Amino acid sequence: MTACIGWVATAAFAISYFCRTPKSLRLVQAVAALMWVTYGFLIHALPVVVANVIVALAAVYSSLAPPRKSPLA
């Protein structure tokens, strides 16, 4: 079961490269990162957990933050 979570997380991460909008990219990345967090806990790998908590938080934050205006616009 643990290996399945890792494989599904890998697939979700790979799928994120096919997202067409920034919002869908961040959503898929957040979901994949949370799966990696689960996997990291199950295999007792703190670096995997910490790295993916950071990625998930960044993905969620950047999805909820108001869009920034480009200085070139």
PDB file of N, CA and C in Angstrom:
ATOM      1  N   MET A   1       0.828  -1.203   0.000  1.00  0.00           N
ATOM      2  CA  MET A   1       0.000   0.000   0.000  1.00  0.00           C
ATOM      3  C   MET A   1       0.869   1.263   0.000  1.00  0.00           C
ATOM      4  N   THR A   2       1.933   1.253   0.778  1.00  0.00           N
ATOM      5  CA  THR A   2       2.819   2.414   0.850  1.00  0.00           C
ATOM      6  C   THR A   2       3.417   2.725  -0.514  1.00  0.00           C
ATOM      7  N   ALA A   3       3.885   1.703  -1.189  1.00  0.00           N
ATOM      8  CA  ALA A   3       4.473   1.910  -2.514  1.00  0.00           C
ATOM      9  C   ALA A   3       3.440   2.490  -3.483  1.00  0.00           C
ATOM     10  N   CYS A   4       2.198   2.084  -3.364  1.00  0.00           N
ATOM     11  CA  CYS A   4       1.137   2.610  -4.235  1.00  0.00           C
ATOM     12  C   CYS A   4       0.991   4.119  -4.056  1.00  0.00           C
ATOM     13  N   ILE A   5       1.064   4.597  -2.827  1.00  0.00           N
ATOM     14  CA  ILE A   5       0.959   6.031  -2.573  1.00  0.00           C
ATOM     15  C   ILE A   5       2.112   6.765  -3.253  1.00  0.00           C
ATOM     16  N   GLY A   6       3.308   6.200  -3.160  1.00  0.00           N
ATOM     17  CA  GLY A   6       4.462   6.796  -3.822  1.00  0.00           C
ATOM     18  C   GLY A   6       4.305   6.836  -5.335  1.00  0.00           C
ATOM     19  N   TRP A   7       3.783   5.760  -5.904  1.00  0.00           N
ATOM     20  CA  TRP A   7       3.592   5.721  -7.359  1.00  0.00           C
ATOM     21  C   TRP A   7       2.505   6.693  -7.809  1.00  0.00           C
ATOM     22  N   VAL A   8       1.426   6.792  -7.047  1.00  0.00           N
ATOM     23  CA  VAL A   8       0.359   7.731  -7.396  1.00  0.00           C
ATOM     24  C   VAL A   8       0.865   9.175  -7.266  1.00  0.00           C
ATOM     25  N   ALA A   9       1.658   9.442  -6.245  1.00  0.00           N
ATOM     26  CA  ALA A   9       2.251  10.773  -6.089  1.00  0.00           C
ATOM     27  C   ALA A   9       3.167  11.089  -7.266  1.00  0.00           C
ATOM     28  N   THR A  10       3.929  10.119  -7.701  1.00  0.00           N
ATOM     29  CA  THR A  10       4.800  10.300  -8.866  1.00  0.00           C
ATOM     30  C   THR A  10       3.972  10.613 -10.104  1.00  0.00           C
ATOM     31  N   ALA A  11       2.893   9.872 -10.307  1.00  0.00           N
ATOM     32  CA  ALA A  11       2.021  10.101 -11.458  1.00  0.00           C
ATOM     33  C   ALA A  11       1.391  11.491 -11.400  1.00  0.00           C
ATOM     34  N   ALA A  12       0.923  11.888 -10.225  1.00  0.00           N
ATOM     35  CA  ALA A  12       0.304  13.211 -10.079  1.00  0.00           C
ATOM     36  C   ALA A  12       1.320  14.308 -10.383  1.00  0.00           C
ATOM     37  N   PHE A  13       2.536  14.145  -9.905  1.00  0.00           N
ATOM     38  CA  PHE A  13       3.578  15.130 -10.181  1.00  0.00           C
ATOM     39  C   PHE A  13       3.859  15.199 -11.680  1.00  0.00           C
ATOM     40  N   ALA A  14       3.932  14.062 -12.330  1.00  0.00           N
ATOM     41  CA  ALA A  14       4.177  14.036 -13.778  1.00  0.00           C
ATOM     42  C   ALA A  14       3.017  14.673 -14.546  1.00  0.00           C
ATOM     43  N   ILE A  15       1.805  14.430 -14.098  1.00  0.00           N
ATOM     44  CA  ILE A  15       0.622  15.007 -14.747  1.00  0.00           C
ATOM     45  C   ILE A  15       0.646  16.529 -14.664  1.00  0.00           C
ATOM     46  N   SER A  16       1.250  17.067 -13.602  1.00  0.00           N
ATOM     47  CA  SER A  16       1.274  18.524 -13.438  1.00  0.00           C
ATOM     48  C   SER A  16       1.969  19.217 -14.613  1.00  0.00           C
ATOM     49  N   TYR A  17       2.846  18.521 -15.312  1.00  0.00           N
ATOM     50  CA  TYR A  17       3.525  19.114 -16.460  1.00  0.00           C
ATOM     51  C   TYR A  17       2.586  19.315 -17.652  1.00  0.00           C
ATOM     52  N   PHE A  18       1.417  18.722 -17.609  1.00  0.00           N
ATOM     53  CA  PHE A  18       0.454  18.852 -18.697  1.00  0.00           C
ATOM     54  C   PHE A  18      -0.655  19.860 -18.385  1.00  0.00           C
ATOM     55  N   CYS A  19      -0.587  20.500 -17.222  1.00  0.00           N
ATOM     56  CA  CYS A  19      -1.597  21.492 -16.849  1.00  0.00           C
ATOM     57  C   CYS A  19      -1.446  22.715 -17.738  1.00  0.00           C
ATOM     58  N   ARG A  20      -2.580  23.253 -18.156  1.00  0.00           N
ATOM     59  CA  ARG A  20      -2.563  24.385 -19.091  1.00  0.00           C
ATOM     60  C   ARG A  20      -2.697  25.737 -18.398  1.00  0.00           C
ATOM     61  N   THR A  21      -3.226  25.743 -17.187  1.00  0.00           N
ATOM     62  CA  THR A  21      -3.377  27.019 -16.480  1.00  0.00           C
ATOM     63  C   THR A  21      -2.563  26.996 -15.191  1.00  0.00           C
ATOM     64  N   PRO A  22      -2.091  28.149 -14.767  1.00  0.00           N
ATOM     65  CA  PRO A  22      -1.324  28.198 -13.517  1.00  0.00           C
ATOM     66  C   PRO A  22      -2.116  27.675 -12.316  1.00  0.00           C
ATOM     67  N   LYS A  23      -3.413  27.959 -12.298  1.00  0.00           N
ATOM     68  CA  LYS A  23      -4.236  27.513 -11.162  1.00  0.00           C
ATOM     69  C   LYS A  23      -4.315  25.981 -11.103  1.00  0.00           C
ATOM     70  N   SER A  24      -4.535  25.339 -12.250  1.00  0.00           N
ATOM     71  CA  SER A  24      -4.607  23.878 -12.245  1.00  0.00           C
ATOM     72  C   SER A  24      -3.239  23.272 -11.931  1.00  0.00           C
ATOM     73  N   LEU A  25      -2.170  23.904 -12.401  1.00  0.00           N
ATOM     74  CA  LEU A  25      -0.819  23.437 -12.085  1.00  0.00           C
ATOM     75  C   LEU A  25      -0.592  23.445 -10.584  1.00  0.00           C
ATOM     76  N   ARG A  26      -0.924  24.547  -9.939  1.00  0.00           N
ATOM     77  CA  ARG A  26      -0.715  24.651  -8.489  1.00  0.00           C
ATOM     78  C   ARG A  26      -1.583  23.661  -7.722  1.00  0.00           C
ATOM     79  N   LEU A  27      -2.809  23.459  -8.173  1.00  0.00           N
ATOM     80  CA  LEU A  27      -3.693  22.505  -7.505  1.00  0.00           C
ATOM     81  C   LEU A  27      -3.125  21.091  -7.593  1.00  0.00           C
ATOM     82  N   VAL A  28      -2.719  20.687  -8.779  1.00  0.00           N
ATOM     83  CA  VAL A  28      -2.158  19.336  -8.953  1.00  0.00           C
ATOM     84  C   VAL A  28      -0.864  19.203  -8.155  1.00  0.00           C
ATOM     85  N   GLN A  29      -0.031  20.246  -8.149  1.00  0.00           N
ATOM     86  CA  GLN A  29       1.205  20.198  -7.377  1.00  0.00           C
ATOM     87  C   GLN A  29       0.919  20.080  -5.882  1.00  0.00           C
ATOM     88  N   ALA A  30      -0.079  20.802  -5.392  1.00  0.00           N
ATOM     89  CA  ALA A  30      -0.434  20.728  -3.977  1.00  0.00           C
ATOM     90  C   ALA A  30      -0.914  19.332  -3.606  1.00  0.00           C
ATOM     91  N   VAL A  31      -1.763  18.751  -4.433  1.00  0.00           N
ATOM     92  CA  VAL A  31      -2.276  17.399  -4.176  1.00  0.00           C
ATOM     93  C   VAL A  31      -1.138  16.378  -4.206  1.00  0.00           C
ATOM     94  N   ALA A  32      -0.272  16.491  -5.207  1.00  0.00           N
ATOM     95  CA  ALA A  32       0.862  15.563  -5.302  1.00  0.00           C
ATOM     96  C   ALA A  32       1.778  15.711  -4.097  1.00  0.00           C
ATOM     97  N   ALA A  33       2.040  16.946  -3.685  1.00  0.00           N
ATOM     98  CA  ALA A  33       2.904  17.169  -2.530  1.00  0.00           C
ATOM     99  C   ALA A  33       2.297  16.570  -1.260  1.00  0.00           C
ATOM    100  N   LEU A  34       0.990  16.686  -1.100  1.00  0.00           N
ATOM    101  CA  LEU A  34       0.339  16.089   0.076  1.00  0.00           C
ATOM    102  C   LEU A  34       0.425  14.565   0.040  1.00  0.00           C
ATOM    103  N   MET A  35       0.357  13.989  -1.158  1.00  0.00           N
ATOM    104  CA  MET A  35       0.555  12.535  -1.264  1.00  0.00           C
ATOM    105  C   MET A  35       1.988  12.167  -0.880  1.00  0.00           C
ATOM    106  N   TRP A  36       2.965  12.987  -1.301  1.00  0.00           N
ATOM    107  CA  TRP A  36       4.355  12.742  -0.923  1.00  0.00           C
ATOM    108  C   TRP A  36       4.552  12.884   0.581  1.00  0.00           C
ATOM    109  N   VAL A  37       3.848  13.822   1.200  1.00  0.00           N
ATOM    110  CA  VAL A  37       3.919  13.969   2.660  1.00  0.00           C
ATOM    111  C   VAL A  37       3.433  12.688   3.328  1.00  0.00           C
ATOM    112  N   THR A  38       2.307  12.181   2.860  1.00  0.00           N
ATOM    113  CA  THR A  38       1.771  10.928   3.403  1.00  0.00           C
ATOM    114  C   THR A  38       2.774   9.796   3.227  1.00  0.00           C
ATOM    115  N   TYR A  39       3.330   9.698   2.040  1.00  0.00           N
ATOM    116  CA  TYR A  39       4.326   8.676   1.748  1.00  0.00           C
ATOM    117  C   TYR A  39       5.546   8.833   2.670  1.00  0.00           C
ATOM    118  N   GLY A  40       6.006  10.060   2.829  1.00  0.00           N
ATOM    119  CA  GLY A  40       7.153  10.326   3.699  1.00  0.00           C
ATOM    120  C   GLY A  40       6.903   9.895   5.136  1.00  0.00           C
ATOM    121  N   PHE A  41       5.704  10.170   5.640  1.00  0.00           N
ATOM    122  CA  PHE A  41       5.367   9.724   7.002  1.00  0.00           C
ATOM    123  C   PHE A  41       5.382   8.198   7.086  1.00  0.00           C
ATOM    124  N   LEU A  42       4.813   7.557   6.090  1.00  0.00           N
ATOM    125  CA  LEU A  42       4.728   6.097   6.120  1.00  0.00           C
ATOM    126  C   LEU A  42       6.094   5.414   6.071  1.00  0.00           C
ATOM    127  N   ILE A  43       7.042   6.038   5.371  1.00  0.00           N
ATOM    128  CA  ILE A  43       8.377   5.431   5.295  1.00  0.00           C
ATOM    129  C   ILE A  43       9.350   6.070   6.289  1.00  0.00           C
ATOM    130  N   HIS A  44       8.824   6.957   7.142  1.00  0.00           N
ATOM    131  CA  HIS A  44       9.626   7.616   8.180  1.00  0.00           C
ATOM    132  C   HIS A  44      10.789   8.401   7.580  1.00  0.00           C
ATOM    133  N   ALA A  45      10.494   9.178   6.537  1.00  0.00           N
ATOM    134  CA  ALA A  45      11.517   9.977   5.856  1.00  0.00           C
ATOM    135  C   ALA A  45      11.203  11.457   6.066  1.00  0.00           C
ATOM    136  N   LEU A  46      11.755  12.027   7.116  1.00  0.00           N
ATOM    137  CA  LEU A  46      11.477  13.419   7.452  1.00  0.00           C
ATOM    138  C   LEU A  46      11.854  14.391   6.329  1.00  0.00           C
ATOM    139  N   PRO A  47      12.971  14.213   5.621  1.00  0.00           N
ATOM    140  CA  PRO A  47      13.264  15.149   4.525  1.00  0.00           C
ATOM    141  C   PRO A  47      12.185  15.161   3.443  1.00  0.00           C
ATOM    142  N   VAL A  48      11.599  14.021   3.145  1.00  0.00           N
ATOM    143  CA  VAL A  48      10.517  13.949   2.161  1.00  0.00           C
ATOM    144  C   VAL A  48       9.304  14.716   2.683  1.00  0.00           C
ATOM    145  N   VAL A  49       8.998  14.547   3.949  1.00  0.00           N
ATOM    146  CA  VAL A  49       7.856  15.233   4.555  1.00  0.00           C
ATOM    147  C   VAL A  49       8.065  16.745   4.528  1.00  0.00           C
ATOM    148  N   VAL A  50       9.204  17.197   5.028  1.00  0.00           N
ATOM    149  CA  VAL A  50       9.458  18.638   5.130  1.00  0.00           C
ATOM    150  C   VAL A  50       9.483  19.299   3.749  1.00  0.00           C
ATOM    151  N   ALA A  51      10.192  18.707   2.813  1.00  0.00           N
ATOM    152  CA  ALA A  51      10.285  19.289   1.476  1.00  0.00           C
ATOM    153  C   ALA A  51       8.907  19.430   0.833  1.00  0.00           C
ATOM    154  N   ASN A  52       8.074  18.437   1.005  1.00  0.00           N
ATOM    155  CA  ASN A  52       6.768  18.466   0.355  1.00  0.00           C
ATOM    156  C   ASN A  52       5.735  19.284   1.113  1.00  0.00           C
ATOM    157  N   VAL A  53       5.911  19.462   2.401  1.00  0.00           N
ATOM    158  CA  VAL A  53       5.068  20.412   3.133  1.00  0.00           C
ATOM    159  C   VAL A  53       5.350  21.815   2.599  1.00  0.00           C
ATOM    160  N   ILE A  54       6.624  22.120   2.381  1.00  0.00           N
ATOM    161  CA  ILE A  54       6.994  23.426   1.824  1.00  0.00           C
ATOM    162  C   ILE A  54       6.384  23.613   0.437  1.00  0.00           C
ATOM    163  N   VAL A  55       6.487  22.601  -0.412  1.00  0.00           N
ATOM    164  CA  VAL A  55       5.927  22.679  -1.766  1.00  0.00           C
ATOM    165  C   VAL A  55       4.406  22.850  -1.713  1.00  0.00           C
ATOM    166  N   ALA A  56       3.743  22.075  -0.867  1.00  0.00           N
ATOM    167  CA  ALA A  56       2.277  22.162  -0.767  1.00  0.00           C
ATOM    168  C   ALA A  56       1.854  23.548  -0.277  1.00  0.00           C
ATOM    169  N   LEU A  57       2.541  24.065   0.740  1.00  0.00           N
ATOM    170  CA  LEU A  57       2.201  25.393   1.251  1.00  0.00           C
ATOM    171  C   LEU A  57       2.430  26.474   0.190  1.00  0.00           C
ATOM    172  N   ALA A  58       3.527  26.369  -0.544  1.00  0.00           N
ATOM    173  CA  ALA A  58       3.809  27.341  -1.595  1.00  0.00           C
ATOM    174  C   ALA A  58       2.752  27.274  -2.693  1.00  0.00           C
ATOM    175  N   ALA A  59       2.337  26.076  -3.061  1.00  0.00           N
ATOM    176  CA  ALA A  59       1.318  25.920  -4.102  1.00  0.00           C
ATOM    177  C   ALA A  59      -0.015  26.494  -3.648  1.00  0.00           C
ATOM    178  N   VAL A  60      -0.394  26.209  -2.413  1.00  0.00           N
ATOM    179  CA  VAL A  60      -1.670  26.723  -1.896  1.00  0.00           C
ATOM    180  C   VAL A  60      -1.604  28.240  -1.747  1.00  0.00           C
ATOM    181  N   TYR A  61      -0.515  28.745  -1.182  1.00  0.00           N
ATOM    182  CA  TYR A  61      -0.365  30.192  -1.002  1.00  0.00           C
ATOM    183  C   TYR A  61      -0.422  30.920  -2.342  1.00  0.00           C
ATOM    184  N   SER A  62       0.318  30.426  -3.312  1.00  0.00           N
ATOM    185  CA  SER A  62       0.342  31.111  -4.608  1.00  0.00           C
ATOM    186  C   SER A  62      -1.001  31.001  -5.329  1.00  0.00           C
ATOM    187  N   SER A  63      -1.794  30.008  -4.991  1.00  0.00           N
ATOM    188  CA  SER A  63      -3.137  29.899  -5.578  1.00  0.00           C
ATOM    189  C   SER A  63      -4.102  30.894  -4.957  1.00  0.00           C
ATOM    190  N   LEU A  64      -3.908  31.179  -3.678  1.00  0.00           N
ATOM    191  CA  LEU A  64      -4.837  32.055  -2.965  1.00  0.00           C
ATOM    192  C   LEU A  64      -4.413  33.515  -2.987  1.00  0.00           C
ATOM    193  N   ALA A  65      -3.143  33.788  -3.213  1.00  0.00           N
ATOM    194  CA  ALA A  65      -2.651  35.162  -3.220  1.00  0.00           C
ATOM    195  C   ALA A  65      -3.220  35.913  -4.419  1.00  0.00           C
ATOM    196  N   PRO A  66      -3.497  37.194  -4.226  1.00  0.00           N
ATOM    197  CA  PRO A  66      -3.995  37.972  -5.373  1.00  0.00           C
ATOM    198  C   PRO A  66      -2.919  38.068  -6.445  1.00  0.00           C
ATOM    199  N   PRO A  67      -3.324  38.113  -7.707  1.00  0.00           N
ATOM    200  CA  PRO A  67      -2.333  38.190  -8.776  1.00  0.00           C
ATOM    201  C   PRO A  67      -1.527  39.481  -8.695  1.00  0.00           C
ATOM    202  N   ARG A  68      -0.243  39.368  -8.979  1.00  0.00           N
ATOM    203  CA  ARG A  68       0.625  40.541  -8.972  1.00  0.00           C
ATOM    204  C   ARG A  68       0.620  41.185 -10.349  1.00  0.00           C
ATOM    205  N   LYS A  69       0.733  42.493 -10.361  1.00  0.00           N
ATOM    206  CA  LYS A  69       0.820  43.200 -11.633  1.00  0.00           C
ATOM    207  C   LYS A  69       2.264  43.140 -12.124  1.00  0.00           C
ATOM    208  N   SER A  70       2.410  42.898 -13.385  1.00  0.00           N
ATOM    209  CA  SER A  70       3.729  42.843 -13.988  1.00  0.00           C
ATOM    210  C   SER A  70       4.307  44.244 -14.090  1.00  0.00           C
ATOM    211  N   PRO A  71       5.585  44.411 -13.746  1.00  0.00           N
ATOM    212  CA  PRO A  71       6.185  45.735 -13.886  1.00  0.00           C
ATOM    213  C   PRO A  71       6.326  46.152 -15.354  1.00  0.00           C
ATOM    214  N   LEU A  72       6.175  45.197 -16.264  1.00  0.00           N
ATOM    215  CA  LEU A  72       6.291  45.482 -17.685  1.00  0.00           C
ATOM    216  C   LEU A  72       4.965  45.898 -18.311  1.00  0.00           C
ATOM    217  N   ALA A  73       3.877  45.734 -17.561  1.00  0.00           N
ATOM    218  CA  ALA A  73       2.543  46.026 -18.117  1.00  0.00           C
ATOM    219  C   ALA A  73       2.229  47.493 -18.110  1.00  0.00           C
TER     220      ALA A  73
END
